[in-house]
Structure formats: structure tokens, C-alpha cells
């Protein structure tokens, strides 16, 4: 299957994960606990898979060897911390903005960061040039954010702070994808990369949640009854990280982001039409913003991801 189609499919997975985690957060009324449950379930799944898949363990040994020989910096292994932060933000913001607006805002953050991480070659797939075409693609996606939320800004029922935070979360994802590409280059096993991400993310969220409980900021809430899909965020995350850690090495972060944007926005729009978060509606402004983001995909194109010549 073509890598650009897989990138688009991974975008649909992001929308599905956001809807599941957002709904779980609403039912728990506790975004931090929802994020921890999502990551913990993903860690449980990938741990079970690793028991029956020796390739994952071989990948971990290769990664340890790469760290020991200083082929990869130890800080790179903390990519999962960024993933945990993203899911924590996702569980808080999606109930406020809805999937579609959250997606467009986070995509703008991803696009801006992707230009930088591609240029410095953080993915391990070689440095990518910052061309006018790539800059234009990133600018179009940023403008799409403002168009998407225009009606809600005028109606004064939208928190611009929430939109900004969604953008920052997207920027973290752009960096995480690049770090995962580098990890995958040395592990040579995408599920090893996924396993490491979930260990780091779950540890981070678990520590923050425990501190918040101790100081009385949050309470432990019993798991809510509800549709089975609200607990699928972690499972989707395992598949998503395994997908992206391989694809991003070849496409580069920006080109990957542009193609995954297409899938993410189609998925987000369908979800907000079929099964919206309470109080969320689809407007003409939002549809226009989505079309503009697709324009960014077309402007960015695949050829813009060619490595720099040495």
C-alpha cells in the first residue's frame, strides 16, 4: 500500500482516538484520569503483544545497543512523554471544541513544527529543505484554523486559549513523530517504538495523576459504564504510533502531516456529523476551513519531501 494512503489512514485513527478519549473524559469529568486510562490500556495491549512477538524484544535490544554506542541520544527515548501530554490535552480540549475544530488547530501546530524538525533531520530520514511550497502549505493550514473558528469567535462561545492549547499540543505531536522516526531507525521494529512510547507516556501521566490526587486537585473516579468504544483510545494509539514511526522516516514530518491531515479532517467531520460531542455543531466556516486545509495538502505535495542533497 502507498505510504501517503497509510498516512491518511493514520489521520482517521487520530480522530477516532480523540472522540473516544473525549467522551471518556466527559463521563469521568476528569481529563487526566481519562488520559491515564487511555495510555494504560494501550500499554497493556502492547505488553501482551510483546510476549508473543520476539521481534519487539529484538528491537529493544537493538535500541539499547544504539544508546550504548551513542548512535542515538538518550533524550530521544522520551518521545512518549510528549504523546502522554498530547492525550492529556486532548481529553481536556475535545469536549470544549469538538473533534473537527480541535483537529484543525492541532494540525496548524503540527505543520509549523514539522518545517523545523524536517530541516534539522530529526526523523533520521535525512534533512528536508524548507521550500516556498512547504512554507505555503504550513501557512494555509494555520489560516484554516482562523476560518474554522470564525463563527464561534463572533458568537463569543469559543475559548481562544483552548484553540491555542490545541495548537501547542499539535506542535508536540510534530516533534514526537520526528523522535519516533529516529527511534524506529535504530529499533527497526515499529511495535518496539510503540511499546517504548506507551511506557514513557503512562509513567508520565501516572506520576502527574498521583501528585494531583495527593495534593487534592483531582479525585479517583470509578470507571463509567458506557459504550465499549470509549475505552478504545489506547488500542488505537498503539496502532497509530506503530504506523507513523515507520512512515514518517520516508515521507518526512511535514509531508506525513499534510497527508494525515486529509484523513484526520474527513474522520473528524464525519464524527462531528454522526456522533458529535454535546453542544458541538458543524458550520459553513468549519467546512471552509477543512477545504483550506486540504488545499494545504495539495500545495505541500509529495515531492516537497525530497531530502537535501549533500
Protein backbone atom coordinates (compact mmCIF):
# COMPACT_ATOMS: atom_id res chain seq x y z
CA UNK A 1 0.00 0.00 0.00
CA UNK A 2 1.22 3.54 -0.77
CA UNK A 3 2.73 5.42 2.15
CA UNK A 4 0.61 8.52 1.53
CA UNK A 5 -2.58 6.44 1.83
CA UNK A 6 -1.29 4.92 5.08
CA UNK A 7 -0.57 8.43 6.35
CA UNK A 8 -4.17 9.42 5.54
CA UNK A 9 -5.44 6.32 7.35
CA UNK A 10 -3.38 7.25 10.42
CA UNK A 11 -5.16 10.63 10.39
CA UNK A 12 -8.53 8.87 10.63
CA UNK A 13 -7.15 6.96 13.62
CA UNK A 14 -6.31 10.26 15.38
CA UNK A 15 -9.93 11.42 15.01
CA UNK A 16 -11.23 8.11 16.36
CA UNK A 17 -8.88 8.29 19.34
CA UNK A 18 -9.82 11.91 20.07
CA UNK A 19 -13.54 11.08 20.06
CA UNK A 20 -13.08 8.06 22.35
CA UNK A 21 -10.82 9.89 24.81
CA UNK A 22 -13.00 13.00 24.76
CA UNK A 23 -16.14 11.01 25.56
CA UNK A 24 -14.36 9.11 28.35
CA UNK A 25 -13.22 12.44 29.80
CA UNK A 26 -16.79 13.78 29.74
CA UNK A 27 -18.20 10.72 31.50
CA UNK A 28 -15.45 10.73 34.12
CA UNK A 29 -15.44 14.53 34.41
CA UNK A 30 -11.70 14.03 34.85
CA UNK A 31 -9.49 14.56 31.79
CA UNK A 32 -6.26 13.50 33.50
CA UNK A 33 -7.69 10.16 34.62
CA UNK A 34 -9.15 9.61 31.13
CA UNK A 35 -5.71 10.17 29.58
CA UNK A 36 -4.12 7.76 32.06
CA UNK A 37 -6.74 5.09 31.33
CA UNK A 38 -6.18 5.51 27.60
CA UNK A 39 -2.40 5.15 27.86
CA UNK A 40 -2.58 2.33 30.42
CA UNK A 41 -4.88 0.26 28.20
CA UNK A 42 -2.51 0.82 25.28
CA UNK A 43 0.46 -0.26 27.40
CA UNK A 44 -1.40 -3.40 28.49
CA UNK A 45 -2.18 -4.30 24.87
CA UNK A 46 1.36 -3.75 23.55
CA UNK A 47 2.79 -5.66 26.55
CA UNK A 48 0.65 -8.68 25.67
CA UNK A 49 1.68 -8.43 22.01
CA UNK A 50 5.37 -8.31 23.00
CA UNK A 51 5.03 -11.61 24.89
CA UNK A 52 4.22 -13.38 21.62
CA UNK A 53 6.39 -11.32 19.30
CA UNK A 54 10.16 -11.82 19.73
CA UNK A 55 10.81 -9.14 17.08
CA UNK A 56 9.70 -6.48 19.60
CA UNK A 57 12.26 -7.72 22.11
CA UNK A 58 14.97 -7.80 19.42
CA UNK A 59 14.08 -4.21 18.56
CA UNK A 60 14.50 -3.21 22.22
CA UNK A 61 17.96 -4.85 22.31
CA UNK A 62 18.97 -3.00 19.12
CA UNK A 63 17.80 0.26 20.67
CA UNK A 64 19.76 -0.35 23.88
CA UNK A 65 22.84 -1.08 21.78
CA UNK A 66 22.34 2.16 19.81
CA UNK A 67 22.10 4.18 23.04
CA UNK A 68 25.21 2.48 24.49
CA UNK A 69 27.22 3.20 21.33
CA UNK A 70 25.90 6.80 21.31
CA UNK A 71 24.29 6.38 17.90
CA UNK A 72 21.10 7.87 19.34
CA UNK A 73 20.77 10.43 22.15
CA UNK A 74 19.07 9.10 25.33
CA UNK A 75 16.64 12.07 25.41
CA UNK A 76 15.13 10.83 22.14
CA UNK A 77 13.67 7.86 24.01
CA UNK A 78 11.33 10.21 25.88
CA UNK A 79 9.08 10.75 22.85
CA UNK A 80 6.26 9.06 24.76
CA UNK A 81 6.24 11.91 27.30
CA UNK A 82 5.10 14.23 24.50
CA UNK A 83 2.48 11.68 23.47
CA UNK A 84 1.16 11.49 27.03
CA UNK A 85 0.99 15.28 27.19
CA UNK A 86 -0.91 15.37 23.88
CA UNK A 87 -3.51 12.86 25.09
CA UNK A 88 -3.90 14.76 28.38
CA UNK A 89 -4.61 17.96 26.43
CA UNK A 90 -6.87 16.05 24.02
CA UNK A 91 -9.10 14.78 26.82
CA UNK A 92 -9.49 18.31 28.20
CA UNK A 93 -9.99 20.27 24.96
CA UNK A 94 -12.05 17.98 22.69
CA UNK A 95 -15.18 18.26 24.92
CA UNK A 96 -14.90 22.06 24.60
CA UNK A 97 -14.15 22.42 20.88
CA UNK A 98 -15.41 19.23 19.21
CA UNK A 99 -13.25 16.91 17.10
CA UNK A 100 -13.15 19.00 13.91
CA UNK A 101 -12.03 22.35 15.38
CA UNK A 102 -9.57 20.58 17.70
CA UNK A 103 -8.16 18.72 14.69
CA UNK A 104 -7.69 21.85 12.58
CA UNK A 105 -5.99 23.71 15.47
CA UNK A 106 -3.65 20.83 16.30
CA UNK A 107 -2.84 20.38 12.60
CA UNK A 108 -1.70 24.01 12.42
CA UNK A 109 0.71 23.34 15.29
CA UNK A 110 1.95 20.16 13.62
CA UNK A 111 2.54 21.95 10.31
CA UNK A 112 4.59 24.75 11.85
CA UNK A 113 6.76 22.38 13.90
CA UNK A 114 7.19 19.93 11.02
CA UNK A 115 9.07 22.51 8.96
CA UNK A 116 11.69 22.82 11.70
CA UNK A 117 12.14 19.14 12.59
CA UNK A 118 12.36 18.17 8.92
CA UNK A 119 15.02 20.81 8.30
CA UNK A 120 17.25 19.61 11.14
CA UNK A 121 16.71 15.96 10.13
CA UNK A 122 15.33 14.81 13.49
CA UNK A 123 13.40 11.92 11.88
CA UNK A 124 16.54 10.03 10.91
CA UNK A 125 15.43 10.00 7.26
CA UNK A 126 17.69 12.89 6.22
CA UNK A 127 17.24 16.67 6.23
CA UNK A 128 14.41 18.15 4.14
CA UNK A 129 14.64 21.56 2.54
CA UNK A 130 12.35 24.39 3.66
CA UNK A 131 10.98 25.34 0.24
CA UNK A 132 8.42 28.07 -0.60
CA UNK A 133 5.97 25.29 -1.40
CA UNK A 134 6.34 23.74 2.06
CA UNK A 135 6.07 27.13 3.80
CA UNK A 136 2.91 27.92 1.80
CA UNK A 137 1.39 24.59 2.83
CA UNK A 138 2.02 25.32 6.52
CA UNK A 139 0.63 28.87 6.23
CA UNK A 140 -2.57 27.65 4.55
CA UNK A 141 -3.24 25.20 7.41
CA UNK A 142 -2.69 27.95 10.01
CA UNK A 143 -5.13 30.25 8.17
CA UNK A 144 -7.61 27.40 8.03
CA UNK A 145 -7.75 27.43 11.84
CA UNK A 146 -8.95 31.02 11.95
CA UNK A 147 -11.58 30.41 9.27
CA UNK A 148 -12.82 27.26 11.03
CA UNK A 149 -13.49 29.04 14.32
CA UNK A 150 -14.63 32.41 12.92
CA UNK A 151 -18.34 31.99 13.65
CA UNK A 152 -17.73 30.84 17.21
CA UNK A 153 -15.36 33.74 17.89
CA UNK A 154 -18.05 36.15 16.67
CA UNK A 155 -20.62 34.41 18.87
CA UNK A 156 -18.16 34.63 21.80
CA UNK A 157 -18.73 30.99 22.73
CA UNK A 158 -15.21 29.81 21.94
CA UNK A 159 -12.16 29.94 24.19
CA UNK A 160 -9.22 31.16 22.12
CA UNK A 161 -6.99 29.82 24.87
CA UNK A 162 -8.39 26.33 24.19
CA UNK A 163 -7.65 26.74 20.46
CA UNK A 164 -4.10 27.90 21.25
CA UNK A 165 -3.52 24.95 23.59
CA UNK A 166 -4.74 22.58 20.86
CA UNK A 167 -2.17 24.16 18.53
CA UNK A 168 0.61 23.68 21.08
CA UNK A 169 -0.46 20.05 21.52
CA UNK A 170 -0.20 19.60 17.77
CA UNK A 171 3.31 21.07 17.83
CA UNK A 172 4.30 18.47 20.43
CA UNK A 173 2.97 15.72 18.16
CA UNK A 174 5.12 17.01 15.29
CA UNK A 175 8.22 16.68 17.50
CA UNK A 176 7.10 13.28 18.81
CA UNK A 177 6.67 11.92 15.29
CA UNK A 178 10.18 13.02 14.38
CA UNK A 179 11.66 11.45 17.53
CA UNK A 180 9.75 8.22 16.85
CA UNK A 181 11.14 8.14 13.31
CA UNK A 182 14.65 8.32 14.77
CA UNK A 183 13.88 5.63 17.37
CA UNK A 184 12.44 3.41 14.66
CA UNK A 185 15.56 3.81 12.53
CA UNK A 186 17.57 2.12 15.27
CA UNK A 187 15.00 -0.35 16.63
CA UNK A 188 13.93 -1.45 13.11
CA UNK A 189 10.65 -2.55 14.70
CA UNK A 190 7.66 -0.20 14.80
CA UNK A 191 5.96 -2.00 17.69
CA UNK A 192 9.12 -1.61 19.79
CA UNK A 193 8.82 2.13 19.20
CA UNK A 194 5.15 1.97 20.17
CA UNK A 195 5.96 -0.05 23.32
CA UNK A 196 8.58 2.50 24.43
CA UNK A 197 6.14 5.37 23.81
CA UNK A 198 3.46 3.80 25.97
CA UNK A 199 5.90 3.04 28.81
CA UNK A 200 7.07 6.66 28.87
CA UNK A 201 3.61 8.16 28.38
CA UNK A 202 1.93 6.01 31.03
CA UNK A 203 4.72 6.68 33.53
CA UNK A 204 4.43 10.44 32.96
CA UNK A 205 0.64 10.52 33.24
CA UNK A 206 0.64 8.16 36.22
CA UNK A 207 3.12 10.35 38.10
CA UNK A 208 1.21 13.56 37.37
CA UNK A 209 -2.12 11.93 38.29
CA UNK A 210 -0.72 10.58 41.58
CA UNK A 211 0.67 14.01 42.52
CA UNK A 212 -2.67 15.64 41.63
CA UNK A 213 -4.54 13.15 43.85
CA UNK A 214 -2.13 13.63 46.78
CA UNK A 215 -2.42 17.43 46.70
CA UNK A 216 -6.20 17.21 46.33
CA UNK A 217 -6.53 18.63 42.82
CA UNK A 218 -8.35 15.58 41.43
CA UNK A 219 -10.15 12.54 42.79
CA UNK A 220 -10.05 8.96 41.58
CA UNK A 221 -13.35 8.31 39.79
CA UNK A 222 -14.79 4.80 39.22
CA UNK A 223 -14.82 3.67 35.60
CA UNK A 224 -18.10 4.74 33.99
CA UNK A 225 -20.46 2.39 32.20
CA UNK A 226 -20.90 3.31 28.59
CA UNK A 227 -20.35 2.16 25.03
CA UNK A 228 -17.31 -0.08 24.53
CA UNK A 229 -15.61 2.39 22.17
CA UNK A 230 -14.88 4.97 24.88
CA UNK A 231 -12.13 2.61 26.11
CA UNK A 232 -10.53 2.11 22.69
CA UNK A 233 -8.27 5.20 22.73
CA UNK A 234 -5.22 3.23 23.89
CA UNK A 235 -5.71 0.46 21.33
CA UNK A 236 -5.98 3.00 18.52
CA UNK A 237 -2.85 4.72 19.87
CA UNK A 238 -0.78 1.52 19.68
CA UNK A 239 -1.67 1.05 16.01
CA UNK A 240 -1.18 4.74 15.25
CA UNK A 241 2.32 5.02 16.73
CA UNK A 242 3.46 1.79 15.03
CA UNK A 243 2.15 3.18 11.72
CA UNK A 244 3.64 6.64 12.00
CA UNK A 245 7.10 5.72 13.29
CA UNK A 246 7.76 3.86 10.04
CA UNK A 247 6.01 6.13 7.53
CA UNK A 248 7.47 9.41 8.83
CA UNK A 249 11.02 8.21 8.13
CA UNK A 250 10.25 8.05 4.41
CA UNK A 251 7.82 10.93 3.90
CA UNK A 252 9.27 13.44 6.36
CA UNK A 253 7.20 15.00 9.13
CA UNK A 254 5.61 17.80 7.09
CA UNK A 255 4.53 15.64 4.14
CA UNK A 256 3.28 12.98 6.55
CA UNK A 257 1.37 15.67 8.46
CA UNK A 258 -0.21 17.01 5.27
CA UNK A 259 -1.47 13.60 4.12
CA UNK A 260 -2.59 12.53 7.59
CA UNK A 261 -4.44 15.86 7.77
CA UNK A 262 -6.71 14.73 4.96
CA UNK A 263 -7.68 11.56 6.81
CA UNK A 264 -7.94 13.33 10.14
CA UNK A 265 -10.29 16.04 8.87
CA UNK A 266 -12.53 13.64 6.95
CA UNK A 267 -12.74 11.46 10.06
CA UNK A 268 -13.33 14.45 12.36
CA UNK A 269 -16.05 15.91 10.14
CA UNK A 270 -17.85 12.56 9.87
CA UNK A 271 -17.68 12.07 13.65
CA UNK A 272 -18.99 15.58 14.37
CA UNK A 273 -21.85 14.97 11.90
CA UNK A 274 -22.76 11.44 13.04
CA UNK A 275 -21.78 11.36 16.71
CA UNK A 276 -20.91 14.89 17.91
CA UNK A 277 -19.74 15.86 21.37
CA UNK A 278 -22.58 17.56 23.27
CA UNK A 279 -23.05 21.17 22.16
CA UNK A 280 -20.89 20.85 19.04
CA UNK A 281 -22.22 21.63 15.56
CA UNK A 282 -20.76 21.73 12.05
CA UNK A 283 -20.82 25.19 10.44
CA UNK A 284 -20.04 26.56 6.97
CA UNK A 285 -16.93 28.19 8.43
CA UNK A 286 -15.69 24.83 9.68
CA UNK A 287 -16.26 23.13 6.32
CA UNK A 288 -14.46 26.04 4.59
CA UNK A 289 -11.52 25.64 6.99
CA UNK A 290 -11.36 21.93 6.23
CA UNK A 291 -11.33 22.63 2.47
CA UNK A 292 -8.50 25.14 3.03
CA UNK A 293 -6.55 22.52 4.95
CA UNK A 294 -6.94 20.11 2.05
CA UNK A 295 -5.57 22.91 -0.14
CA UNK A 296 -2.52 22.86 2.11
CA UNK A 297 -2.18 19.13 1.42
CA UNK A 298 -2.24 19.78 -2.33
CA UNK A 299 0.21 22.69 -2.06
CA UNK A 300 2.61 20.62 0.07
CA UNK A 301 2.57 17.60 -2.22
CA UNK A 302 4.80 14.55 -2.03
CA UNK A 303 7.74 15.90 -4.00
CA UNK A 304 8.36 18.59 -1.40
CA UNK A 305 9.69 15.92 0.98
CA UNK A 306 12.85 15.14 -1.01
CA UNK A 307 15.99 15.07 1.14
CA UNK A 308 18.58 17.82 0.87
CA UNK A 309 21.49 16.99 -1.43
CA UNK A 310 24.89 16.92 0.19
